[in-house]
Amino acid sequence: MASGARSLLRPPGGVASTVAILSLMLASLAAAKTGKASENEAASAFKLQCSSCHGANGAGDTSVGKTLKAADLRSQAVQKQSDTELAQIIADGKGNMPSFSDSLTKDQISALVAYIRKLAKSQK
């Protein structure tokens, strides 16, 4: 992926981003103690890492998402994939989507998969 496109995937600087990152870090520390990522942590991770392309509701209809042809996470095509397949896509990336294996733990990725499932259910 070109460096210009990759920069679109990074959250913009500023106080809100700093607060979001600190919140995610604190949630990560709490998750490390329990060994599991919470639903709130998954929502925070989704907002920070995924929503710029996939949108707050997972539809992939943001301007960046449209440009990069981000998947609608609520779609049948995405939802029919197994949890393992979705976790692998999040970890390794796919197409224009970058890898998140260096920035998210396995528990966080599993929690994101559950969150993606919840997005589809909330659409109905």
Protein backbone atom coordinates (compact mmCIF):
# COMPACT_ATOMS: atom_id res chain seq x y z
CA MET A 1 0.00 0.00 0.00
CA ALA A 2 1.28 3.47 -0.81
CA SER A 3 2.44 5.57 2.12
CA GLY A 4 -0.18 8.23 1.30
CA ALA A 5 -2.99 5.67 1.56
CA ARG A 6 -1.47 4.23 4.73
CA SER A 7 -1.51 7.67 6.37
CA LEU A 8 -5.27 7.78 5.82
CA LEU A 9 -5.56 4.75 8.10
CA ARG A 10 -3.89 6.48 11.03
CA PRO A 11 -6.05 8.41 13.45
CA PRO A 12 -5.62 12.17 13.24
CA GLY A 13 -3.55 13.84 15.95
CA GLY A 14 -5.01 15.90 18.70
CA VAL A 15 -6.44 15.64 22.17
CA ALA A 16 -9.33 13.33 21.23
CA SER A 17 -6.96 10.82 19.63
CA THR A 18 -4.61 10.97 22.59
CA VAL A 19 -7.47 10.34 25.02
CA ALA A 20 -8.75 7.46 22.88
CA ILE A 21 -5.30 5.89 22.73
CA LEU A 22 -4.79 6.25 26.48
CA SER A 23 -8.23 4.73 27.11
CA LEU A 24 -7.39 1.79 24.88
CA MET A 25 -4.06 1.33 26.66
CA LEU A 26 -5.74 1.33 30.07
CA ALA A 27 -8.35 -1.14 28.84
CA SER A 28 -5.54 -3.32 27.49
CA LEU A 29 -3.88 -3.35 30.90
CA ALA A 30 -7.16 -4.39 32.51
CA ALA A 31 -7.65 -7.07 29.87
CA ALA A 32 -4.14 -8.38 30.51
CA LYS A 33 -5.06 -8.96 34.16
CA THR A 34 -8.21 -10.91 33.28
CA GLY A 35 -6.87 -12.49 30.10
CA LYS A 36 -9.89 -11.36 28.08
CA ALA A 37 -10.78 -8.21 26.21
CA SER A 38 -14.03 -6.62 27.31
CA GLU A 39 -16.89 -5.50 25.10
CA ASN A 40 -16.05 -1.88 25.97
CA GLU A 41 -12.45 -2.46 24.93
CA ALA A 42 -13.64 -3.98 21.65
CA ALA A 43 -15.85 -0.96 21.00
CA SER A 44 -12.92 1.37 21.75
CA ALA A 45 -10.58 -0.63 19.53
CA PHE A 46 -13.16 -0.64 16.73
CA LYS A 47 -13.62 3.11 17.00
CA LEU A 48 -9.87 3.75 17.04
CA GLN A 49 -8.67 1.17 14.51
CA CYS A 50 -11.62 0.34 12.24
CA SER A 51 -14.24 3.08 12.08
CA SER A 52 -12.28 5.47 9.87
CA CYS A 53 -12.78 3.00 7.01
CA HIS A 54 -15.68 0.80 8.09
CA GLY A 55 -17.72 3.55 9.79
CA ALA A 56 -19.19 3.56 13.28
CA ASN A 57 -21.85 1.03 12.25
CA GLY A 58 -19.51 -1.15 10.13
CA ALA A 59 -21.13 -0.25 6.81
CA GLY A 60 -17.86 0.76 5.11
CA ASP A 61 -19.54 3.91 3.84
CA THR A 62 -17.07 6.55 5.06
CA SER A 63 -15.26 8.57 2.40
CA VAL A 64 -12.04 6.67 3.14
CA GLY A 65 -13.93 3.37 3.20
CA LYS A 66 -15.53 4.06 -0.17
CA THR A 67 -12.16 4.99 -1.67
CA LEU A 68 -10.52 1.84 -0.31
CA LYS A 69 -13.59 -0.33 -1.00
CA ALA A 70 -13.86 -1.33 2.65
CA ALA A 71 -16.19 -4.23 3.33
CA ASP A 72 -19.58 -3.75 4.95
CA LEU A 73 -18.93 -5.75 8.09
CA ARG A 74 -22.66 -6.32 8.54
CA SER A 75 -23.00 -7.98 5.13
CA GLN A 76 -23.80 -11.64 4.63
CA ALA A 77 -20.46 -12.09 2.83
CA VAL A 78 -18.57 -11.01 5.95
CA GLN A 79 -20.89 -12.60 8.48
CA LYS A 80 -20.77 -16.04 6.84
CA GLN A 81 -17.02 -16.22 7.52
CA SER A 82 -15.93 -18.13 10.58
CA ASP A 83 -14.58 -16.37 13.66
CA THR A 84 -11.16 -17.82 12.81
CA GLU A 85 -11.30 -16.39 9.29
CA LEU A 86 -12.32 -12.93 10.53
CA ALA A 87 -9.62 -12.98 13.21
CA GLN A 88 -7.02 -13.89 10.60
CA ILE A 89 -8.12 -11.02 8.34
CA ILE A 90 -7.85 -8.57 11.25
CA ALA A 91 -4.45 -9.95 12.24
CA ASP A 92 -2.92 -10.28 8.76
CA GLY A 93 -4.84 -7.68 6.77
CA LYS A 94 -6.47 -8.21 3.38
CA GLY A 95 -6.44 -6.12 0.22
CA ASN A 96 -6.23 -2.46 1.29
CA MET A 97 -6.71 -3.35 4.96
CA PRO A 98 -3.47 -3.33 6.98
CA SER A 99 -2.38 -5.95 9.47
CA PHE A 100 -3.24 -5.31 13.12
CA SER A 101 -1.25 -8.19 14.62
CA ASP A 102 1.39 -5.78 15.92
CA SER A 103 -1.09 -3.42 17.59
CA LEU A 104 -3.79 -5.79 18.91
CA THR A 105 -3.53 -8.88 21.09
CA LYS A 106 -5.25 -12.15 20.19
CA ASP A 107 -7.85 -11.44 22.90
CA GLN A 108 -8.50 -7.97 21.45
CA ILE A 109 -8.88 -9.45 17.97
CA SER A 110 -11.32 -12.06 19.30
CA ALA A 111 -13.29 -9.32 21.01
CA LEU A 112 -13.37 -7.36 17.73
CA VAL A 113 -14.77 -10.41 15.93
CA ALA A 114 -17.55 -10.60 18.54
CA TYR A 115 -18.14 -6.87 18.10
CA ILE A 116 -18.43 -7.30 14.32
CA ARG A 117 -21.03 -10.01 14.90
CA LYS A 118 -22.92 -7.62 17.17
CA LEU A 119 -22.89 -4.89 14.48
CA ALA A 120 -24.71 -7.23 12.10
CA LYS A 121 -27.32 -8.11 14.72
CA SER A 122 -27.94 -4.44 15.57
CA GLN A 123 -28.66 -3.72 11.88
CA LYS A 124 -31.71 -5.99 11.89
